[in-house]
Amino acid sequence: MYCVKCGVKLSDTEKSCPLCGTSVYHPDIERPTLPPLYPAGRSPKLKPNSKAVSGALLILFIIPIIISYIADIKTDGRLGFFGYVAGAVLLGYITFALPLWFKKPNPIVFTPCVFAGTAVYLWYISFATGGKWFFSLALPVTLGIAAIVCTVVTLLRCLKSGRLYVWGGALVALGCFVPIIELLICNTFSISYLGWSFYPLAALALLGGMLLFLAINKSAREAMERKLFF
């Protein structure tokens, strides 16, 4: 017999799943009086990520790199678009596949690595295309967003409560950063300041302010939880 929610194997005497707590019932099985498969206080352990899965993902990421290299060389005898494809694939590998090599990947460590890889990839695009927008636009925007995201990840990882404060503050900070992005775009490409950034600033500030209000006002938060069923 298996749990209908998490799939853990159960003995016929189990009344509830020792892993997720789901009630166990089977109309065709008469429960004998036998010792449970998992004694009280002992839960089944989930198997860690297999190295074989990580290795298979590595191969899947290598295949498009090899194909794009061959296709690029066959096109005109020199490398052109290969760097863009390889950079995108490597960035995707760092983001999604690299943490699987570790039993307990720490997002506080891997999140900055993702943004560092993003900055390097944007620098390569700027260098390959002869653009002059990396240091004046791409790098400060990447660092600003990285600071907000890394702060949120660290606080959510370390704090046991106050998540509404974290998310509300993050939305307000992101909204305040949008006008800076518009200013950087205008300075980089020498265009006039239109002020479009104040629209997302207002929306993000309202959403963040609402979350902060719910975090401060307990009665409003409980009323919202009852309406949204969470």
C-alpha atoms as a PDB file:
ATOM      1  CA  MET A   1       0.000   0.000   0.000  1.00  0.00           C
ATOM      2  CA  TYR A   2       1.245   3.489  -0.853  1.00  0.00           C
ATOM      3  CA  CYS A   3       0.359   6.997   0.258  1.00  0.00           C
ATOM      4  CA  VAL A   4      -1.932   8.705  -2.257  1.00  0.00           C
ATOM      5  CA  LYS A   5      -0.257  12.079  -1.672  1.00  0.00           C
ATOM      6  CA  CYS A   6       3.515  11.514  -1.493  1.00  0.00           C
ATOM      7  CA  GLY A   7       3.850   7.900  -2.698  1.00  0.00           C
ATOM      8  CA  VAL A   8       5.678   6.518   0.350  1.00  0.00           C
ATOM      9  CA  LYS A   9       5.298   2.765   0.854  1.00  0.00           C
ATOM     10  CA  LEU A  10       3.085   1.944   3.842  1.00  0.00           C
ATOM     11  CA  SER A  11       2.281  -1.171   5.791  1.00  0.00           C
ATOM     12  CA  ASP A  12      -1.319  -2.366   6.003  1.00  0.00           C
ATOM     13  CA  THR A  13      -1.531  -1.216   9.635  1.00  0.00           C
ATOM     14  CA  GLU A  14      -0.660   2.437   9.010  1.00  0.00           C
ATOM     15  CA  LYS A  15      -3.479   4.846   9.861  1.00  0.00           C
ATOM     16  CA  SER A  16      -1.690   7.913   8.527  1.00  0.00           C
ATOM     17  CA  CYS A  17       1.359   8.551   6.355  1.00  0.00           C
ATOM     18  CA  PRO A  18       4.430   9.069   8.586  1.00  0.00           C
ATOM     19  CA  LEU A  19       5.896  11.508   6.049  1.00  0.00           C
ATOM     20  CA  CYS A  20       3.034  13.852   5.093  1.00  0.00           C
ATOM     21  CA  GLY A  21       0.343  12.916   7.638  1.00  0.00           C
ATOM     22  CA  THR A  22      -2.320  11.967   5.057  1.00  0.00           C
ATOM     23  CA  SER A  23      -4.985   9.615   6.402  1.00  0.00           C
ATOM     24  CA  VAL A  24      -4.697   6.102   4.994  1.00  0.00           C
ATOM     25  CA  TYR A  25      -7.800   4.165   3.971  1.00  0.00           C
ATOM     26  CA  HIS A  26      -8.327   1.233   1.655  1.00  0.00           C
ATOM     27  CA  PRO A  27     -11.840  -0.293   1.535  1.00  0.00           C
ATOM     28  CA  ASP A  28     -10.606  -3.680   0.301  1.00  0.00           C
ATOM     29  CA  ILE A  29      -7.896  -4.189   2.916  1.00  0.00           C
ATOM     30  CA  GLU A  30      -8.746  -5.390   6.410  1.00  0.00           C
ATOM     31  CA  ARG A  31      -6.118  -4.009   8.762  1.00  0.00           C
ATOM     32  CA  PRO A  32      -4.295  -6.752  10.669  1.00  0.00           C
ATOM     33  CA  THR A  33      -2.659  -6.102  14.017  1.00  0.00           C
ATOM     34  CA  LEU A  34       0.987  -5.829  13.007  1.00  0.00           C
ATOM     35  CA  PRO A  35       3.808  -3.447  13.933  1.00  0.00           C
ATOM     36  CA  PRO A  36       3.934  -0.356  11.673  1.00  0.00           C
ATOM     37  CA  LEU A  37       6.553  -0.105   8.941  1.00  0.00           C
ATOM     38  CA  TYR A  38       7.932   3.080  10.535  1.00  0.00           C
ATOM     39  CA  PRO A  39       8.003   3.268  14.353  1.00  0.00           C
ATOM     40  CA  ALA A  40       6.762   6.394  16.132  1.00  0.00           C
ATOM     41  CA  GLY A  41       9.134   9.315  15.768  1.00  0.00           C
ATOM     42  CA  ARG A  42      10.856   7.856  12.716  1.00  0.00           C
ATOM     43  CA  SER A  43      10.030   9.070   9.219  1.00  0.00           C
ATOM     44  CA  PRO A  44      11.202   7.676   5.877  1.00  0.00           C
ATOM     45  CA  LYS A  45      14.142   9.528   4.402  1.00  0.00           C
ATOM     46  CA  LEU A  46      13.925  10.875   0.885  1.00  0.00           C
ATOM     47  CA  LYS A  47      16.742   9.814  -1.399  1.00  0.00           C
ATOM     48  CA  PRO A  48      19.179  12.601  -2.333  1.00  0.00           C
ATOM     49  CA  ASN A  49      19.622  13.758  -5.895  1.00  0.00           C
ATOM     50  CA  SER A  50      21.329  11.113  -7.976  1.00  0.00           C
ATOM     51  CA  LYS A  51      24.677  11.913  -9.564  1.00  0.00           C
ATOM     52  CA  ALA A  52      23.458  10.054 -12.626  1.00  0.00           C
ATOM     53  CA  VAL A  53      20.710  12.653 -13.113  1.00  0.00           C
ATOM     54  CA  SER A  54      23.230  15.475 -12.791  1.00  0.00           C
ATOM     55  CA  GLY A  55      25.520  13.770 -15.293  1.00  0.00           C
ATOM     56  CA  ALA A  56      22.654  13.270 -17.733  1.00  0.00           C
ATOM     57  CA  LEU A  57      21.774  16.959 -17.465  1.00  0.00           C
ATOM     58  CA  LEU A  58      25.402  17.845 -18.134  1.00  0.00           C
ATOM     59  CA  ILE A  59      25.312  15.822 -21.341  1.00  0.00           C
ATOM     60  CA  LEU A  60      22.044  17.488 -22.370  1.00  0.00           C
ATOM     61  CA  PHE A  61      23.649  20.898 -21.930  1.00  0.00           C
ATOM     62  CA  ILE A  62      26.791  19.884 -23.847  1.00  0.00           C
ATOM     63  CA  ILE A  63      24.840  18.652 -26.890  1.00  0.00           C
ATOM     64  CA  PRO A  64      23.531  22.094 -28.030  1.00  0.00           C
ATOM     65  CA  ILE A  65      27.015  23.563 -27.564  1.00  0.00           C
ATOM     66  CA  ILE A  66      28.532  20.949 -29.871  1.00  0.00           C
ATOM     67  CA  ILE A  67      25.731  21.278 -32.437  1.00  0.00           C
ATOM     68  CA  SER A  68      25.964  25.087 -32.513  1.00  0.00           C
ATOM     69  CA  TYR A  69      29.767  24.911 -32.881  1.00  0.00           C
ATOM     70  CA  ILE A  70      29.546  22.556 -35.855  1.00  0.00           C
ATOM     71  CA  ALA A  71      26.732  24.572 -37.461  1.00  0.00           C
ATOM     72  CA  ASP A  72      28.631  27.834 -37.005  1.00  0.00           C
ATOM     73  CA  ILE A  73      31.831  26.455 -38.519  1.00  0.00           C
ATOM     74  CA  LYS A  74      29.927  24.908 -41.423  1.00  0.00           C
ATOM     75  CA  THR A  75      28.207  28.221 -42.210  1.00  0.00           C
ATOM     76  CA  ASP A  76      31.165  30.437 -43.094  1.00  0.00           C
ATOM     77  CA  GLY A  77      34.247  28.700 -41.696  1.00  0.00           C
ATOM     78  CA  ARG A  78      34.557  30.878 -38.598  1.00  0.00           C
ATOM     79  CA  LEU A  79      32.844  31.312 -35.255  1.00  0.00           C
ATOM     80  CA  GLY A  80      30.003  33.804 -35.159  1.00  0.00           C
ATOM     81  CA  PHE A  81      26.859  33.015 -33.190  1.00  0.00           C
ATOM     82  CA  PHE A  82      28.482  30.127 -31.304  1.00  0.00           C
ATOM     83  CA  GLY A  83      29.557  32.345 -28.410  1.00  0.00           C
ATOM     84  CA  TYR A  84      25.998  33.532 -27.778  1.00  0.00           C
ATOM     85  CA  VAL A  85      24.623  29.995 -27.744  1.00  0.00           C
ATOM     86  CA  ALA A  86      27.420  28.637 -25.561  1.00  0.00           C
ATOM     87  CA  GLY A  87      27.087  31.509 -23.106  1.00  0.00           C
ATOM     88  CA  ALA A  88      23.322  31.054 -22.814  1.00  0.00           C
ATOM     89  CA  VAL A  89      23.686  27.298 -22.296  1.00  0.00           C
ATOM     90  CA  LEU A  90      26.377  27.735 -19.641  1.00  0.00           C
ATOM     91  CA  LEU A  91      24.266  30.327 -17.850  1.00  0.00           C
ATOM     92  CA  GLY A  92      21.296  27.950 -17.898  1.00  0.00           C
ATOM     93  CA  TYR A  93      23.496  25.156 -16.543  1.00  0.00           C
ATOM     94  CA  ILE A  94      24.746  27.318 -13.666  1.00  0.00           C
ATOM     95  CA  THR A  95      21.180  28.343 -12.844  1.00  0.00           C
ATOM     96  CA  PHE A  96      19.315  25.033 -13.051  1.00  0.00           C
ATOM     97  CA  ALA A  97      21.717  22.074 -13.182  1.00  0.00           C
ATOM     98  CA  LEU A  98      24.784  22.977 -11.116  1.00  0.00           C
ATOM     99  CA  PRO A  99      22.922  23.002  -7.752  1.00  0.00           C
ATOM    100  CA  LEU A 100      21.856  19.383  -8.368  1.00  0.00           C
ATOM    101  CA  TRP A 101      25.448  18.232  -7.841  1.00  0.00           C
ATOM    102  CA  PHE A 102      25.087  19.101  -4.147  1.00  0.00           C
ATOM    103  CA  LYS A 103      22.951  17.290  -1.581  1.00  0.00           C
ATOM    104  CA  LYS A 104      21.768  20.529   0.052  1.00  0.00           C
ATOM    105  CA  PRO A 105      22.408  23.416  -2.346  1.00  0.00           C
ATOM    106  CA  ASN A 106      22.469  26.733  -0.519  1.00  0.00           C
ATOM    107  CA  PRO A 107      20.569  29.439  -2.446  1.00  0.00           C
ATOM    108  CA  ILE A 108      22.560  32.110  -0.587  1.00  0.00           C
ATOM    109  CA  VAL A 109      25.655  30.838  -2.414  1.00  0.00           C
ATOM    110  CA  PHE A 110      24.180  29.962  -5.805  1.00  0.00           C
ATOM    111  CA  THR A 111      22.082  33.103  -6.314  1.00  0.00           C
ATOM    112  CA  PRO A 112      25.128  35.427  -6.512  1.00  0.00           C
ATOM    113  CA  CYS A 113      26.774  32.889  -8.842  1.00  0.00           C
ATOM    114  CA  VAL A 114      23.808  33.164 -11.220  1.00  0.00           C
ATOM    115  CA  PHE A 115      24.058  36.959 -11.313  1.00  0.00           C
ATOM    116  CA  ALA A 116      27.838  36.795 -11.743  1.00  0.00           C
ATOM    117  CA  GLY A 117      27.342  34.485 -14.718  1.00  0.00           C
ATOM    118  CA  THR A 118      24.697  36.854 -16.090  1.00  0.00           C
ATOM    119  CA  ALA A 119      27.097  39.814 -15.835  1.00  0.00           C
ATOM    120  CA  VAL A 120      29.852  37.888 -17.633  1.00  0.00           C
ATOM    121  CA  TYR A 121      27.464  36.833 -20.410  1.00  0.00           C
ATOM    122  CA  LEU A 122      26.236  40.411 -20.894  1.00  0.00           C
ATOM    123  CA  TRP A 123      29.851  41.610 -21.018  1.00  0.00           C
ATOM    124  CA  TYR A 124      30.601  39.087 -23.753  1.00  0.00           C
ATOM    125  CA  ILE A 125      27.589  40.235 -25.794  1.00  0.00           C
ATOM    126  CA  SER A 126      28.653  43.858 -25.418  1.00  0.00           C
ATOM    127  CA  PHE A 127      32.237  43.018 -26.398  1.00  0.00           C
ATOM    128  CA  ALA A 128      31.255  40.803 -29.346  1.00  0.00           C
ATOM    129  CA  THR A 129      28.845  43.361 -30.781  1.00  0.00           C
ATOM    130  CA  GLY A 130      31.124  46.336 -30.210  1.00  0.00           C
ATOM    131  CA  GLY A 131      28.615  47.965 -27.892  1.00  0.00           C
ATOM    132  CA  LYS A 132      29.479  50.401 -25.136  1.00  0.00           C
ATOM    133  CA  TRP A 133      26.507  49.742 -22.878  1.00  0.00           C
ATOM    134  CA  PHE A 134      27.891  47.177 -20.459  1.00  0.00           C
ATOM    135  CA  PHE A 135      29.529  49.392 -17.823  1.00  0.00           C
ATOM    136  CA  SER A 136      26.991  52.208 -18.168  1.00  0.00           C
ATOM    137  CA  LEU A 137      23.822  50.070 -18.226  1.00  0.00           C
ATOM    138  CA  ALA A 138      24.082  46.279 -17.987  1.00  0.00           C
ATOM    139  CA  LEU A 139      26.497  46.074 -15.056  1.00  0.00           C
ATOM    140  CA  PRO A 140      24.744  48.568 -12.719  1.00  0.00           C
ATOM    141  CA  VAL A 141      21.317  47.083 -13.519  1.00  0.00           C
ATOM    142  CA  THR A 142      22.591  43.553 -12.881  1.00  0.00           C
ATOM    143  CA  LEU A 143      24.256  44.587  -9.616  1.00  0.00           C
ATOM    144  CA  GLY A 144      21.152  46.455  -8.435  1.00  0.00           C
ATOM    145  CA  ILE A 145      18.770  43.572  -9.120  1.00  0.00           C
ATOM    146  CA  ALA A 146      21.305  41.123  -7.685  1.00  0.00           C
ATOM    147  CA  ALA A 147      21.460  43.144  -4.454  1.00  0.00           C
ATOM    148  CA  ILE A 148      17.668  43.050  -4.074  1.00  0.00           C
ATOM    149  CA  VAL A 149      17.277  39.369  -4.952  1.00  0.00           C
ATOM    150  CA  CYS A 150      20.232  38.199  -2.826  1.00  0.00           C
ATOM    151  CA  THR A 151      18.929  40.177   0.140  1.00  0.00           C
ATOM    152  CA  VAL A 152      15.478  38.581  -0.221  1.00  0.00           C
ATOM    153  CA  VAL A 153      16.938  35.073  -0.553  1.00  0.00           C
ATOM    154  CA  THR A 154      19.183  35.560   2.489  1.00  0.00           C
ATOM    155  CA  LEU A 155      16.399  36.939   4.674  1.00  0.00           C
ATOM    156  CA  LEU A 156      13.935  34.222   3.664  1.00  0.00           C
ATOM    157  CA  ARG A 157      16.593  31.607   4.355  1.00  0.00           C
ATOM    158  CA  CYS A 158      17.617  32.965   7.761  1.00  0.00           C
ATOM    159  CA  LEU A 159      14.394  34.384   9.195  1.00  0.00           C
ATOM    160  CA  LYS A 160      11.653  32.128  10.548  1.00  0.00           C
ATOM    161  CA  SER A 161       8.972  34.814  10.382  1.00  0.00           C
ATOM    162  CA  GLY A 162       8.332  38.205   8.814  1.00  0.00           C
ATOM    163  CA  ARG A 163       8.138  37.029   5.209  1.00  0.00           C
ATOM    164  CA  LEU A 164       5.539  39.658   4.370  1.00  0.00           C
ATOM    165  CA  TYR A 165       7.975  42.350   5.498  1.00  0.00           C
ATOM    166  CA  VAL A 166      10.651  40.862   3.247  1.00  0.00           C
ATOM    167  CA  TRP A 167       8.437  40.615   0.154  1.00  0.00           C
ATOM    168  CA  GLY A 168       6.857  44.012   0.736  1.00  0.00           C
ATOM    169  CA  GLY A 169      10.222  45.701   1.168  1.00  0.00           C
ATOM    170  CA  ALA A 170      11.570  43.902  -1.911  1.00  0.00           C
ATOM    171  CA  LEU A 171       8.707  45.152  -4.105  1.00  0.00           C
ATOM    172  CA  VAL A 172       9.145  48.721  -2.880  1.00  0.00           C
ATOM    173  CA  ALA A 173      12.921  48.544  -3.450  1.00  0.00           C
ATOM    174  CA  LEU A 174      12.433  47.125  -6.942  1.00  0.00           C
ATOM    175  CA  GLY A 175       9.936  49.861  -7.759  1.00  0.00           C
ATOM    176  CA  CYS A 176      12.375  52.554  -6.613  1.00  0.00           C
ATOM    177  CA  PHE A 177      15.080  50.981  -8.770  1.00  0.00           C
ATOM    178  CA  VAL A 178      13.024  51.183 -11.989  1.00  0.00           C
ATOM    179  CA  PRO A 179      13.475  55.000 -12.415  1.00  0.00           C
ATOM    180  CA  ILE A 180      17.215  54.484 -12.003  1.00  0.00           C
ATOM    181  CA  ILE A 181      17.107  51.930 -14.831  1.00  0.00           C
ATOM    182  CA  GLU A 182      15.328  54.434 -17.074  1.00  0.00           C
ATOM    183  CA  LEU A 183      17.896  57.089 -16.211  1.00  0.00           C
ATOM    184  CA  LEU A 184      20.743  54.700 -17.088  1.00  0.00           C
ATOM    185  CA  ILE A 185      19.073  53.858 -20.401  1.00  0.00           C
ATOM    186  CA  CYS A 186      18.698  57.542 -21.261  1.00  0.00           C
ATOM    187  CA  ASN A 187      22.323  58.321 -20.399  1.00  0.00           C
ATOM    188  CA  THR A 188      23.657  55.290 -22.275  1.00  0.00           C
ATOM    189  CA  PHE A 189      21.752  55.806 -25.514  1.00  0.00           C
ATOM    190  CA  SER A 190      21.408  59.611 -25.277  1.00  0.00           C
ATOM    191  CA  ILE A 191      17.619  59.727 -25.346  1.00  0.00           C
ATOM    192  CA  SER A 192      15.197  61.979 -23.494  1.00  0.00           C
ATOM    193  CA  TYR A 193      13.783  61.036 -20.111  1.00  0.00           C
ATOM    194  CA  LEU A 194      10.112  60.119 -20.686  1.00  0.00           C
ATOM    195  CA  GLY A 195       9.164  59.102 -17.152  1.00  0.00           C
ATOM    196  CA  TRP A 196       7.580  55.754 -18.048  1.00  0.00           C
ATOM    197  CA  SER A 197       9.319  54.195 -15.051  1.00  0.00           C
ATOM    198  CA  PHE A 198       6.960  55.917 -12.610  1.00  0.00           C
ATOM    199  CA  TYR A 199       4.104  53.626 -13.682  1.00  0.00           C
ATOM    200  CA  PRO A 200       5.805  50.391 -12.536  1.00  0.00           C
ATOM    201  CA  LEU A 201       7.129  52.344  -9.529  1.00  0.00           C
ATOM    202  CA  ALA A 202       3.577  53.192  -8.489  1.00  0.00           C
ATOM    203  CA  ALA A 203       2.311  49.623  -9.054  1.00  0.00           C
ATOM    204  CA  LEU A 204       5.176  47.977  -7.175  1.00  0.00           C
ATOM    205  CA  ALA A 205       4.990  50.520  -4.362  1.00  0.00           C
ATOM    206  CA  LEU A 206       1.255  49.858  -3.936  1.00  0.00           C
ATOM    207  CA  LEU A 207       1.755  46.086  -3.894  1.00  0.00           C
ATOM    208  CA  GLY A 208       4.685  46.338  -1.508  1.00  0.00           C
ATOM    209  CA  GLY A 209       2.807  48.767   0.712  1.00  0.00           C
ATOM    210  CA  MET A 210      -0.174  46.397   0.832  1.00  0.00           C
ATOM    211  CA  LEU A 211       2.075  43.529   1.945  1.00  0.00           C
ATOM    212  CA  LEU A 212       3.694  45.721   4.585  1.00  0.00           C
ATOM    213  CA  PHE A 213       0.254  46.795   5.807  1.00  0.00           C
ATOM    214  CA  LEU A 214      -0.838  43.153   6.089  1.00  0.00           C
ATOM    215  CA  ALA A 215       2.376  42.351   7.946  1.00  0.00           C
ATOM    216  CA  ILE A 216       1.719  45.124  10.483  1.00  0.00           C
ATOM    217  CA  ASN A 217      -2.066  44.720  10.820  1.00  0.00           C
ATOM    218  CA  LYS A 218      -2.799  41.253  12.162  1.00  0.00           C
ATOM    219  CA  SER A 219      -6.592  41.470  11.858  1.00  0.00           C
ATOM    220  CA  ALA A 220      -6.379  42.527   8.195  1.00  0.00           C
ATOM    221  CA  ARG A 221      -3.936  39.710   7.524  1.00  0.00           C
ATOM    222  CA  GLU A 222      -6.207  37.120   9.114  1.00  0.00           C
ATOM    223  CA  ALA A 223      -9.193  38.421   7.138  1.00  0.00           C
ATOM    224  CA  MET A 224      -7.203  38.155   3.911  1.00  0.00           C
ATOM    225  CA  GLU A 225      -6.114  34.629   4.798  1.00  0.00           C
ATOM    226  CA  ARG A 226      -9.728  33.576   5.324  1.00  0.00           C
ATOM    227  CA  LYS A 227     -10.782  35.034   1.979  1.00  0.00           C
ATOM    228  CA  LEU A 228      -7.884  33.494   0.028  1.00  0.00           C
ATOM    229  CA  PHE A 229      -7.924  30.171   1.944  1.00  0.00           C
ATOM    230  CA  PHE A 230      -4.202  30.139   2.889  1.00  0.00           C
END
